[in-house]
Amino acid sequence: MIAQFAKLSGRVQGVKFRFTTMLAAKYFKVFGNVKNTADGGVEIFAQGEPDRVEKFMDWAKHGPPWANVRGFEMRAQEPRPEIKDFKVQH
């Protein structure tokens, strides 16, 4: 299992980014969370099998069609085995 953290910027709030990220996480079978940040960005923590996390993060680089991701920074994290689902944080 691997874990990744990503910080996204651009038009990523007010475009259903968190909701579609949750749907994508379920599709790719990864666990973690997504949340808006005060600076207008989005943060994603995702963990799971390496190929699934990689495909999920590739999706997140673009997000839903109505989003416009201009910045994407990703870094490895320690997996958190206690996380067993994917949640939208408010």
Protein backbone atom coordinates (compact mmCIF):
# COMPACT_ATOMS: atom_id res chain seq x y z
CA MET A 1 0.00 0.00 0.00
CA ILE A 2 1.15 3.54 -0.78
CA ALA A 3 -0.22 6.95 0.16
CA GLN A 4 -0.03 10.30 -1.65
CA PHE A 5 -0.99 13.85 -0.72
CA ALA A 6 -1.89 16.36 -3.44
CA LYS A 7 -2.52 20.11 -3.35
CA LEU A 8 -4.47 21.49 -6.31
CA SER A 9 -5.11 25.04 -7.39
CA GLY A 10 -7.06 26.71 -10.16
CA ARG A 11 -10.82 26.54 -10.63
CA VAL A 12 -11.34 23.65 -8.22
CA GLN A 13 -13.96 25.03 -5.85
CA GLY A 14 -17.60 25.55 -6.76
CA VAL A 15 -17.39 22.97 -9.57
CA LYS A 16 -18.31 19.77 -7.67
CA PHE A 17 -14.62 18.83 -7.45
CA ARG A 18 -14.87 17.18 -4.03
CA PHE A 19 -17.97 15.18 -4.94
CA THR A 20 -16.53 13.90 -8.23
CA THR A 21 -13.24 13.14 -6.46
CA MET A 22 -15.15 10.93 -4.02
CA LEU A 23 -16.80 9.13 -6.96
CA ALA A 24 -13.42 8.69 -8.69
CA ALA A 25 -11.92 7.32 -5.46
CA LYS A 26 -14.67 4.72 -5.26
CA TYR A 27 -14.12 3.82 -8.93
CA PHE A 28 -10.36 3.43 -8.46
CA LYS A 29 -10.83 1.78 -5.05
CA VAL A 30 -8.62 4.14 -3.07
CA PHE A 31 -9.17 5.43 0.46
CA GLY A 32 -8.61 8.83 2.04
CA ASN A 33 -10.23 12.25 1.88
CA VAL A 34 -10.64 15.46 -0.07
CA LYS A 35 -11.21 18.96 1.29
CA ASN A 36 -11.34 22.59 0.22
CA THR A 37 -8.67 24.93 1.55
CA ALA A 38 -9.06 28.55 2.63
CA ASP A 39 -6.89 29.74 -0.28
CA GLY A 40 -9.34 28.38 -2.89
CA GLY A 41 -7.54 25.10 -3.49
CA VAL A 42 -8.26 21.46 -2.81
CA GLU A 43 -6.23 18.90 -0.85
CA ILE A 44 -6.43 15.16 -1.44
CA PHE A 45 -5.04 12.31 0.66
CA ALA A 46 -5.27 8.94 -1.08
CA GLN A 47 -3.92 5.50 -0.29
CA GLY A 48 -4.25 2.03 -1.71
CA GLU A 49 -2.58 -0.26 -4.21
CA PRO A 50 0.14 1.63 -6.12
CA ASP A 51 -1.43 1.30 -9.59
CA ARG A 52 -4.85 2.42 -8.30
CA VAL A 53 -3.45 5.46 -6.47
CA GLU A 54 -1.44 6.41 -9.57
CA LYS A 55 -4.50 6.23 -11.84
CA PHE A 56 -6.61 8.16 -9.31
CA MET A 57 -4.01 10.93 -9.04
CA ASP A 58 -3.76 11.06 -12.84
CA TRP A 59 -7.52 11.70 -12.87
CA ALA A 60 -7.17 14.36 -10.14
CA LYS A 61 -4.65 16.31 -12.25
CA HIS A 62 -7.58 17.27 -14.48
CA GLY A 63 -10.64 16.64 -12.29
CA PRO A 64 -14.16 16.91 -13.66
CA PRO A 65 -14.68 18.56 -17.08
CA TRP A 66 -15.88 21.86 -15.60
CA ALA A 67 -12.79 22.28 -13.39
CA ASN A 68 -9.54 23.91 -14.49
CA VAL A 69 -6.60 22.53 -12.50
CA ARG A 70 -3.67 24.93 -12.93
CA GLY A 71 -1.43 23.69 -10.13
CA PHE A 72 -0.82 20.14 -8.91
CA GLU A 73 1.76 19.27 -6.27
CA MET A 74 2.04 15.72 -4.98
CA ARG A 75 4.20 14.08 -2.35
CA ALA A 76 4.42 10.65 -0.77
CA GLN A 77 2.91 10.11 2.67
CA GLU A 78 2.92 7.33 5.21
CA PRO A 79 -0.11 5.06 4.74
CA ARG A 80 -2.73 5.22 7.47
CA PRO A 81 -4.16 1.69 7.77
CA GLU A 82 -7.05 2.90 9.92
CA ILE A 83 -8.58 4.69 6.90
CA LYS A 84 -10.93 2.27 5.16
CA ASP A 85 -13.09 4.59 3.02
CA PHE A 86 -13.01 7.91 1.17
CA LYS A 87 -14.65 11.00 2.63
CA VAL A 88 -15.40 14.55 1.65
CA GLN A 89 -14.28 16.77 4.51
CA HIS A 90 -16.00 20.06 5.20
